[in-house]
Amino acid sequence: MYEVLLSLEIAGACAVALVVVLVLVVLRRRRLLARLGTFDCSIRQARGARRRWALGVAQYERDRLDWYRTFSLSPRPSCTYARRALAVTVFRDAEGLELAAVQPGAMIVECRLETGAVAGQGEEIEFAMGRDAYTGFASWLESAPPGQGVNVA
């Protein structure tokens, strides 16, 4: 009888811990979205053979874009992209399997992240965001200070 009660207590404690973690994730997401300049934004990087969409929230800063993973408790951004290093190459509607992997009504914004000394070379990255968010993203890129040479398709 004692073993059964112990098992139920452990299962109950695990369930409570899971609920607490889920509540913390939801509260973190709400706090992030309450900030000025944030929007829902999924990301897919071109690294590796298995490219997957990751759900998240992006926030504009003065000279960078911070991206926070949705299912995380970290207060720090998962990725940070310098505005001067981002160049939009193509934007299009989500299609095929992407429709199930990103938020409804999202469009895909393909960008090049300039990482090397040679212009035109760099890492490919894709953002999935709503049309309104893309308008803000394009405006943010275009409003870079003079001399940063930003490219918006």
C-alpha atoms as a PDB file:
ATOM      1  CA  MET A   1       0.000   0.000   0.000  1.00  0.00           C
ATOM      2  CA  TYR A   2       2.851   2.362   0.873  1.00  0.00           C
ATOM      3  CA  GLU A   3       4.451   1.832  -2.566  1.00  0.00           C
ATOM      4  CA  VAL A   4       1.208   2.773  -4.332  1.00  0.00           C
ATOM      5  CA  LEU A   5       0.845   5.976  -2.302  1.00  0.00           C
ATOM      6  CA  LEU A   6       4.487   6.872  -2.935  1.00  0.00           C
ATOM      7  CA  SER A   7       3.998   6.336  -6.666  1.00  0.00           C
ATOM      8  CA  LEU A   8       0.891   8.540  -6.649  1.00  0.00           C
ATOM      9  CA  GLU A   9       2.736  11.253  -4.720  1.00  0.00           C
ATOM     10  CA  ILE A  10       5.608  11.202  -7.225  1.00  0.00           C
ATOM     11  CA  ALA A  11       3.190  11.317 -10.160  1.00  0.00           C
ATOM     12  CA  GLY A  12       1.316  14.194  -8.529  1.00  0.00           C
ATOM     13  CA  ALA A  13       4.527  16.116  -7.873  1.00  0.00           C
ATOM     14  CA  CYS A  14       5.588  15.649 -11.517  1.00  0.00           C
ATOM     15  CA  ALA A  15       2.181  16.871 -12.727  1.00  0.00           C
ATOM     16  CA  VAL A  16       2.371  19.946 -10.488  1.00  0.00           C
ATOM     17  CA  ALA A  17       5.925  20.678 -11.701  1.00  0.00           C
ATOM     18  CA  LEU A  18       4.782  20.399 -15.323  1.00  0.00           C
ATOM     19  CA  VAL A  19       1.877  22.776 -14.733  1.00  0.00           C
ATOM     20  CA  VAL A  20       4.189  25.269 -13.015  1.00  0.00           C
ATOM     21  CA  VAL A  21       6.638  25.179 -15.953  1.00  0.00           C
ATOM     22  CA  LEU A  22       3.794  25.668 -18.461  1.00  0.00           C
ATOM     23  CA  VAL A  23       2.433  28.623 -16.480  1.00  0.00           C
ATOM     24  CA  LEU A  24       5.911  30.178 -16.357  1.00  0.00           C
ATOM     25  CA  VAL A  25       6.323  29.768 -20.145  1.00  0.00           C
ATOM     26  CA  VAL A  26       2.940  31.424 -20.769  1.00  0.00           C
ATOM     27  CA  LEU A  27       3.714  34.288 -18.370  1.00  0.00           C
ATOM     28  CA  ARG A  28       7.122  34.832 -19.998  1.00  0.00           C
ATOM     29  CA  ARG A  29       5.539  34.949 -23.456  1.00  0.00           C
ATOM     30  CA  ARG A  30       2.900  37.435 -22.298  1.00  0.00           C
ATOM     31  CA  ARG A  31       5.597  39.604 -20.728  1.00  0.00           C
ATOM     32  CA  LEU A  32       7.631  39.529 -23.946  1.00  0.00           C
ATOM     33  CA  LEU A  33       4.636  40.414 -26.132  1.00  0.00           C
ATOM     34  CA  ALA A  34       3.739  43.312 -23.823  1.00  0.00           C
ATOM     35  CA  ARG A  35       7.002  45.053 -24.723  1.00  0.00           C
ATOM     36  CA  LEU A  36       7.071  47.709 -27.421  1.00  0.00           C
ATOM     37  CA  GLY A  37       8.323  46.449 -30.787  1.00  0.00           C
ATOM     38  CA  THR A  38       7.602  42.736 -30.362  1.00  0.00           C
ATOM     39  CA  PHE A  39       5.851  40.373 -32.757  1.00  0.00           C
ATOM     40  CA  ASP A  40       5.318  36.640 -33.298  1.00  0.00           C
ATOM     41  CA  CYS A  41       8.135  35.343 -35.460  1.00  0.00           C
ATOM     42  CA  SER A  42       9.198  31.795 -36.275  1.00  0.00           C
ATOM     43  CA  ILE A  43      12.720  31.148 -37.481  1.00  0.00           C
ATOM     44  CA  ARG A  44      14.471  28.539 -39.607  1.00  0.00           C
ATOM     45  CA  GLN A  45      18.212  28.638 -40.079  1.00  0.00           C
ATOM     46  CA  ALA A  46      19.995  27.046 -43.000  1.00  0.00           C
ATOM     47  CA  ARG A  47      22.443  25.146 -40.824  1.00  0.00           C
ATOM     48  CA  GLY A  48      22.427  21.351 -40.913  1.00  0.00           C
ATOM     49  CA  ALA A  49      20.496  18.857 -42.952  1.00  0.00           C
ATOM     50  CA  ARG A  50      17.418  18.946 -40.693  1.00  0.00           C
ATOM     51  CA  ARG A  51      16.035  22.448 -40.881  1.00  0.00           C
ATOM     52  CA  ARG A  52      13.066  22.983 -38.589  1.00  0.00           C
ATOM     53  CA  TRP A  53      10.916  25.952 -37.743  1.00  0.00           C
ATOM     54  CA  ALA A  54      11.225  27.220 -34.182  1.00  0.00           C
ATOM     55  CA  LEU A  55       8.393  29.285 -32.717  1.00  0.00           C
ATOM     56  CA  GLY A  56       9.271  32.511 -31.020  1.00  0.00           C
ATOM     57  CA  VAL A  57       8.880  36.213 -30.449  1.00  0.00           C
ATOM     58  CA  ALA A  58      11.109  38.870 -32.005  1.00  0.00           C
ATOM     59  CA  GLN A  59      11.808  42.316 -30.609  1.00  0.00           C
ATOM     60  CA  TYR A  60      13.265  45.328 -32.366  1.00  0.00           C
ATOM     61  CA  GLU A  61      16.127  47.042 -30.634  1.00  0.00           C
ATOM     62  CA  ARG A  62      18.010  50.091 -31.878  1.00  0.00           C
ATOM     63  CA  ASP A  63      20.602  48.239 -33.954  1.00  0.00           C
ATOM     64  CA  ARG A  64      19.599  44.588 -33.641  1.00  0.00           C
ATOM     65  CA  LEU A  65      16.727  42.119 -33.705  1.00  0.00           C
ATOM     66  CA  ASP A  66      16.422  39.905 -30.634  1.00  0.00           C
ATOM     67  CA  TRP A  67      14.608  36.582 -31.005  1.00  0.00           C
ATOM     68  CA  TYR A  68      13.237  34.658 -28.025  1.00  0.00           C
ATOM     69  CA  ARG A  69      12.280  30.986 -28.237  1.00  0.00           C
ATOM     70  CA  THR A  70       8.649  30.398 -27.192  1.00  0.00           C
ATOM     71  CA  PHE A  71       9.238  27.264 -25.147  1.00  0.00           C
ATOM     72  CA  SER A  72      12.014  28.526 -22.919  1.00  0.00           C
ATOM     73  CA  LEU A  73      12.314  30.106 -19.501  1.00  0.00           C
ATOM     74  CA  SER A  74      15.447  32.100 -20.301  1.00  0.00           C
ATOM     75  CA  PRO A  75      15.129  35.893 -19.968  1.00  0.00           C
ATOM     76  CA  ARG A  76      17.833  36.312 -22.610  1.00  0.00           C
ATOM     77  CA  PRO A  77      17.241  36.154 -26.368  1.00  0.00           C
ATOM     78  CA  SER A  78      18.084  32.869 -28.094  1.00  0.00           C
ATOM     79  CA  CYS A  79      19.438  34.721 -31.143  1.00  0.00           C
ATOM     80  CA  THR A  80      20.469  38.280 -31.881  1.00  0.00           C
ATOM     81  CA  TYR A  81      20.865  39.668 -35.404  1.00  0.00           C
ATOM     82  CA  ALA A  82      22.595  42.952 -36.173  1.00  0.00           C
ATOM     83  CA  ARG A  83      20.480  45.198 -38.399  1.00  0.00           C
ATOM     84  CA  ARG A  84      23.436  46.028 -40.662  1.00  0.00           C
ATOM     85  CA  ALA A  85      24.064  42.297 -41.255  1.00  0.00           C
ATOM     86  CA  LEU A  86      20.495  41.413 -42.381  1.00  0.00           C
ATOM     87  CA  ALA A  87      19.520  41.600 -46.047  1.00  0.00           C
ATOM     88  CA  VAL A  88      16.076  40.507 -47.288  1.00  0.00           C
ATOM     89  CA  THR A  89      16.433  38.410 -50.432  1.00  0.00           C
ATOM     90  CA  VAL A  90      12.855  37.156 -50.988  1.00  0.00           C
ATOM     91  CA  PHE A  91       9.490  37.299 -49.287  1.00  0.00           C
ATOM     92  CA  ARG A  92       6.654  34.925 -50.119  1.00  0.00           C
ATOM     93  CA  ASP A  93       3.574  33.247 -48.702  1.00  0.00           C
ATOM     94  CA  ALA A  94       4.005  30.073 -46.660  1.00  0.00           C
ATOM     95  CA  GLU A  95       3.333  26.950 -48.713  1.00  0.00           C
ATOM     96  CA  GLY A  96       3.205  23.180 -48.362  1.00  0.00           C
ATOM     97  CA  LEU A  97       4.451  21.806 -45.051  1.00  0.00           C
ATOM     98  CA  GLU A  98       5.327  25.306 -43.899  1.00  0.00           C
ATOM     99  CA  LEU A  99       1.618  26.024 -43.431  1.00  0.00           C
ATOM    100  CA  ALA A 100       1.485  23.523 -40.554  1.00  0.00           C
ATOM    101  CA  ALA A 101       4.798  24.630 -39.006  1.00  0.00           C
ATOM    102  CA  VAL A 102       4.257  28.396 -38.732  1.00  0.00           C
ATOM    103  CA  GLN A 103       1.504  30.629 -37.407  1.00  0.00           C
ATOM    104  CA  PRO A 104      -1.637  30.943 -39.580  1.00  0.00           C
ATOM    105  CA  GLY A 105      -1.457  33.582 -42.305  1.00  0.00           C
ATOM    106  CA  ALA A 106       2.311  33.908 -42.049  1.00  0.00           C
ATOM    107  CA  MET A 107       4.594  34.905 -44.859  1.00  0.00           C
ATOM    108  CA  ILE A 108       8.172  33.717 -45.211  1.00  0.00           C
ATOM    109  CA  VAL A 109      10.938  36.317 -45.329  1.00  0.00           C
ATOM    110  CA  GLU A 110      14.204  34.872 -46.609  1.00  0.00           C
ATOM    111  CA  CYS A 111      17.250  36.818 -45.458  1.00  0.00           C
ATOM    112  CA  ARG A 112      20.986  36.657 -45.799  1.00  0.00           C
ATOM    113  CA  LEU A 113      22.938  37.218 -42.631  1.00  0.00           C
ATOM    114  CA  GLU A 114      26.240  38.752 -43.699  1.00  0.00           C
ATOM    115  CA  THR A 115      28.883  37.018 -41.619  1.00  0.00           C
ATOM    116  CA  GLY A 116      32.038  37.294 -43.683  1.00  0.00           C
ATOM    117  CA  ALA A 117      34.200  40.123 -44.901  1.00  0.00           C
ATOM    118  CA  VAL A 118      33.039  39.599 -48.503  1.00  0.00           C
ATOM    119  CA  ALA A 119      29.675  41.193 -49.308  1.00  0.00           C
ATOM    120  CA  GLY A 120      27.072  38.767 -50.634  1.00  0.00           C
ATOM    121  CA  GLN A 121      28.377  35.839 -48.628  1.00  0.00           C
ATOM    122  CA  GLY A 122      26.735  34.716 -45.465  1.00  0.00           C
ATOM    123  CA  GLU A 123      24.252  32.459 -43.769  1.00  0.00           C
ATOM    124  CA  GLU A 124      20.708  32.000 -45.063  1.00  0.00           C
ATOM    125  CA  ILE A 125      17.939  32.479 -42.521  1.00  0.00           C
ATOM    126  CA  GLU A 126      14.160  32.492 -42.829  1.00  0.00           C
ATOM    127  CA  PHE A 127      11.632  34.335 -40.692  1.00  0.00           C
ATOM    128  CA  ALA A 128       7.905  33.559 -40.666  1.00  0.00           C
ATOM    129  CA  MET A 129       5.735  36.500 -39.649  1.00  0.00           C
ATOM    130  CA  GLY A 130       2.393  38.096 -40.362  1.00  0.00           C
ATOM    131  CA  ARG A 131       2.004  40.703 -43.102  1.00  0.00           C
ATOM    132  CA  ASP A 132       1.738  43.549 -40.600  1.00  0.00           C
ATOM    133  CA  ALA A 133       4.876  42.333 -38.875  1.00  0.00           C
ATOM    134  CA  TYR A 134       6.695  42.216 -42.246  1.00  0.00           C
ATOM    135  CA  THR A 135       5.717  45.828 -42.916  1.00  0.00           C
ATOM    136  CA  GLY A 136       7.239  46.796 -39.581  1.00  0.00           C
ATOM    137  CA  PHE A 137      10.314  44.622 -40.208  1.00  0.00           C
ATOM    138  CA  ALA A 138      10.943  46.191 -43.625  1.00  0.00           C
ATOM    139  CA  SER A 139      10.479  49.697 -42.180  1.00  0.00           C
ATOM    140  CA  TRP A 140      12.866  48.904 -39.336  1.00  0.00           C
ATOM    141  CA  LEU A 141      15.506  47.681 -41.795  1.00  0.00           C
ATOM    142  CA  GLU A 142      15.058  50.692 -44.084  1.00  0.00           C
ATOM    143  CA  SER A 143      15.279  53.164 -41.214  1.00  0.00           C
ATOM    144  CA  ALA A 144      18.862  52.172 -40.424  1.00  0.00           C
ATOM    145  CA  PRO A 145      21.238  55.078 -39.854  1.00  0.00           C
ATOM    146  CA  PRO A 146      23.102  56.324 -42.950  1.00  0.00           C
ATOM    147  CA  GLY A 147      26.035  54.231 -44.041  1.00  0.00           C
ATOM    148  CA  GLN A 148      24.687  50.851 -42.993  1.00  0.00           C
ATOM    149  CA  GLY A 149      23.650  49.868 -46.537  1.00  0.00           C
ATOM    150  CA  VAL A 150      20.531  47.849 -45.741  1.00  0.00           C
ATOM    151  CA  ASN A 151      18.866  45.763 -48.474  1.00  0.00           C
ATOM    152  CA  VAL A 152      15.111  45.200 -48.448  1.00  0.00           C
ATOM    153  CA  ALA A 153      13.527  43.253 -51.317  1.00  0.00           C
END
